[in-house]
C-alpha atoms as a PDB file:
ATOM      1  CA  UNK A   1     181.408 121.965 195.686  1.00  0.00           C
ATOM      2  CA  UNK A   2     178.810 123.942 193.675  1.00  0.00           C
ATOM      3  CA  UNK A   3     181.417 126.240 192.274  1.00  0.00           C
ATOM      4  CA  UNK A   4     183.511 123.369 191.149  1.00  0.00           C
ATOM      5  CA  UNK A   5     180.445 121.790 189.547  1.00  0.00           C
ATOM      6  CA  UNK A   6     179.740 124.965 187.864  1.00  0.00           C
ATOM      7  CA  UNK A   7     183.254 125.418 186.510  1.00  0.00           C
ATOM      8  CA  UNK A   8     183.377 121.821 185.445  1.00  0.00           C
ATOM      9  CA  UNK A   9     180.091 122.077 183.565  1.00  0.00           C
ATOM     10  CA  UNK A  10     181.254 125.315 182.026  1.00  0.00           C
ATOM     11  CA  UNK A  11     184.369 123.727 180.732  1.00  0.00           C
ATOM     12  CA  UNK A  12     182.520 120.880 179.351  1.00  0.00           C
ATOM     13  CA  UNK A  13     179.998 123.156 177.503  1.00  0.00           C
ATOM     14  CA  UNK A  14     182.705 125.230 176.081  1.00  0.00           C
ATOM     15  CA  UNK A  15     184.494 122.266 174.620  1.00  0.00           C
ATOM     16  CA  UNK A  16     181.186 120.906 173.123  1.00  0.00           C
ATOM     17  CA  UNK A  17     180.413 124.407 171.747  1.00  0.00           C
ATOM     18  CA  UNK A  18     183.878 124.655 170.190  1.00  0.00           C
ATOM     19  CA  UNK A  19     183.069 121.632 168.020  1.00  0.00           C
ATOM     20  CA  UNK A  20     179.995 123.145 166.558  1.00  0.00           C
ATOM     21  CA  UNK A  21     179.678 125.282 163.422  1.00  0.00           C
ATOM     22  CA  UNK A  22     178.196 128.254 165.089  1.00  0.00           C
ATOM     23  CA  UNK A  23     179.734 131.725 165.241  1.00  0.00           C
ATOM     24  CA  UNK A  24     181.672 132.628 168.364  1.00  0.00           C
ATOM     25  CA  UNK A  25     178.905 135.061 169.407  1.00  0.00           C
ATOM     26  CA  UNK A  26     176.250 132.301 168.971  1.00  0.00           C
ATOM     27  CA  UNK A  27     178.425 129.974 170.979  1.00  0.00           C
ATOM     28  CA  UNK A  28     178.797 132.575 173.692  1.00  0.00           C
ATOM     29  CA  UNK A  29     175.047 132.992 173.892  1.00  0.00           C
ATOM     30  CA  UNK A  30     174.599 129.301 174.200  1.00  0.00           C
ATOM     31  CA  UNK A  31     177.381 128.984 176.803  1.00  0.00           C
ATOM     32  CA  UNK A  32     176.085 131.763 178.878  1.00  0.00           C
ATOM     33  CA  UNK A  33     172.553 130.409 178.891  1.00  0.00           C
ATOM     34  CA  UNK A  34     173.799 126.983 179.814  1.00  0.00           C
ATOM     35  CA  UNK A  35     175.634 128.352 182.765  1.00  0.00           C
ATOM     36  CA  UNK A  36     172.730 130.463 183.780  1.00  0.00           C
ATOM     37  CA  UNK A  37     170.333 127.441 183.445  1.00  0.00           C
ATOM     38  CA  UNK A  38     172.713 125.266 185.390  1.00  0.00           C
ATOM     39  CA  UNK A  39     172.651 127.628 188.113  1.00  0.00           C
ATOM     40  CA  UNK A  40     168.961 127.679 188.204  1.00  0.00           C
ATOM     41  CA  UNK A  41     168.826 123.959 188.293  1.00  0.00           C
ATOM     42  CA  UNK A  42     171.126 123.833 191.374  1.00  0.00           C
ATOM     43  CA  UNK A  43     168.850 126.333 193.000  1.00  0.00           C
ATOM     44  CA  UNK A  44     165.965 124.078 192.148  1.00  0.00           C
ATOM     45  CA  UNK A  45     167.664 121.138 193.734  1.00  0.00           C
ATOM     46  CA  UNK A  46     168.265 123.198 196.901  1.00  0.00           C
ATOM     47  CA  UNK A  47     164.584 123.995 197.113  1.00  0.00           C
ATOM     48  CA  UNK A  48     163.751 120.385 196.680  1.00  0.00           C
ATOM     49  CA  UNK A  49     166.111 119.534 199.578  1.00  0.00           C
ATOM     50  CA  UNK A  50     164.358 122.252 201.647  1.00  0.00           C
ATOM     51  CA  UNK A  51     161.118 120.748 200.867  1.00  0.00           C
ATOM     52  CA  UNK A  52     162.197 117.269 201.873  1.00  0.00           C
ATOM     53  CA  UNK A  53     163.476 118.515 205.166  1.00  0.00           C
ATOM     54  CA  UNK A  54     160.398 120.589 206.185  1.00  0.00           C
ATOM     55  CA  UNK A  55     157.727 119.075 208.405  1.00  0.00           C
ATOM     56  CA  UNK A  56     155.147 121.492 207.151  1.00  0.00           C
ATOM     57  CA  UNK A  57     153.096 119.967 204.363  1.00  0.00           C
ATOM     58  CA  UNK A  58     152.003 123.138 202.764  1.00  0.00           C
ATOM     59  CA  UNK A  59     155.412 124.537 202.923  1.00  0.00           C
ATOM     60  CA  UNK A  60     156.751 121.438 201.278  1.00  0.00           C
ATOM     61  CA  UNK A  61     154.364 121.623 198.506  1.00  0.00           C
ATOM     62  CA  UNK A  62     155.037 125.225 197.775  1.00  0.00           C
ATOM     63  CA  UNK A  63     158.890 124.586 197.741  1.00  0.00           C
ATOM     64  CA  UNK A  64     158.427 121.645 195.308  1.00  0.00           C
ATOM     65  CA  UNK A  65     156.259 123.808 193.055  1.00  0.00           C
ATOM     66  CA  UNK A  66     158.940 126.583 193.398  1.00  0.00           C
ATOM     67  CA  UNK A  67     161.507 123.981 192.383  1.00  0.00           C
ATOM     68  CA  UNK A  68     159.590 122.690 189.435  1.00  0.00           C
ATOM     69  CA  UNK A  69     158.886 126.235 188.200  1.00  0.00           C
ATOM     70  CA  UNK A  70     162.576 127.065 188.341  1.00  0.00           C
ATOM     71  CA  UNK A  71     163.586 123.983 186.508  1.00  0.00           C
ATOM     72  CA  UNK A  72     160.946 124.918 183.672  1.00  0.00           C
ATOM     73  CA  UNK A  73     162.445 128.394 183.576  1.00  0.00           C
ATOM     74  CA  UNK A  74     165.988 126.837 183.203  1.00  0.00           C
ATOM     75  CA  UNK A  75     164.718 124.811 180.344  1.00  0.00           C
ATOM     76  CA  UNK A  76     163.103 128.004 178.785  1.00  0.00           C
ATOM     77  CA  UNK A  77     166.470 129.816 179.011  1.00  0.00           C
ATOM     78  CA  UNK A  78     168.327 127.077 177.140  1.00  0.00           C
ATOM     79  CA  UNK A  79     165.592 127.044 174.460  1.00  0.00           C
ATOM     80  CA  UNK A  80     165.644 130.782 174.074  1.00  0.00           C
ATOM     81  CA  UNK A  81     169.380 130.790 173.720  1.00  0.00           C
ATOM     82  CA  UNK A  82     169.366 128.034 171.231  1.00  0.00           C
ATOM     83  CA  UNK A  83     166.692 129.986 169.103  1.00  0.00           C
ATOM     84  CA  UNK A  84     168.634 133.225 169.504  1.00  0.00           C
ATOM     85  CA  UNK A  85     171.957 131.450 168.374  1.00  0.00           C
ATOM     86  CA  UNK A  86     170.230 129.851 165.468  1.00  0.00           C
ATOM     87  CA  UNK A  87     169.065 133.368 164.166  1.00  0.00           C
ATOM     88  CA  UNK A  88     172.703 134.777 164.456  1.00  0.00           C
END
């Protein structure tokens, strides 16, 4: 299911990128970053599910924090890609 979601989101992102006025190289940077960020967000979702399923409060809090950090990192990847693409 995850691979299907990744492929579907990649196809959607490629179609959106095709409509933009960016160069092919810039569009590739953004597409790659979006796929990478999407993967990171799926990993963050998995960490949240682990946190929900553990009975250890400290472990749950640590997993939630790791999930939040991973989501923030995914956002940073997208931001960095957009900035890089704008400068190409």
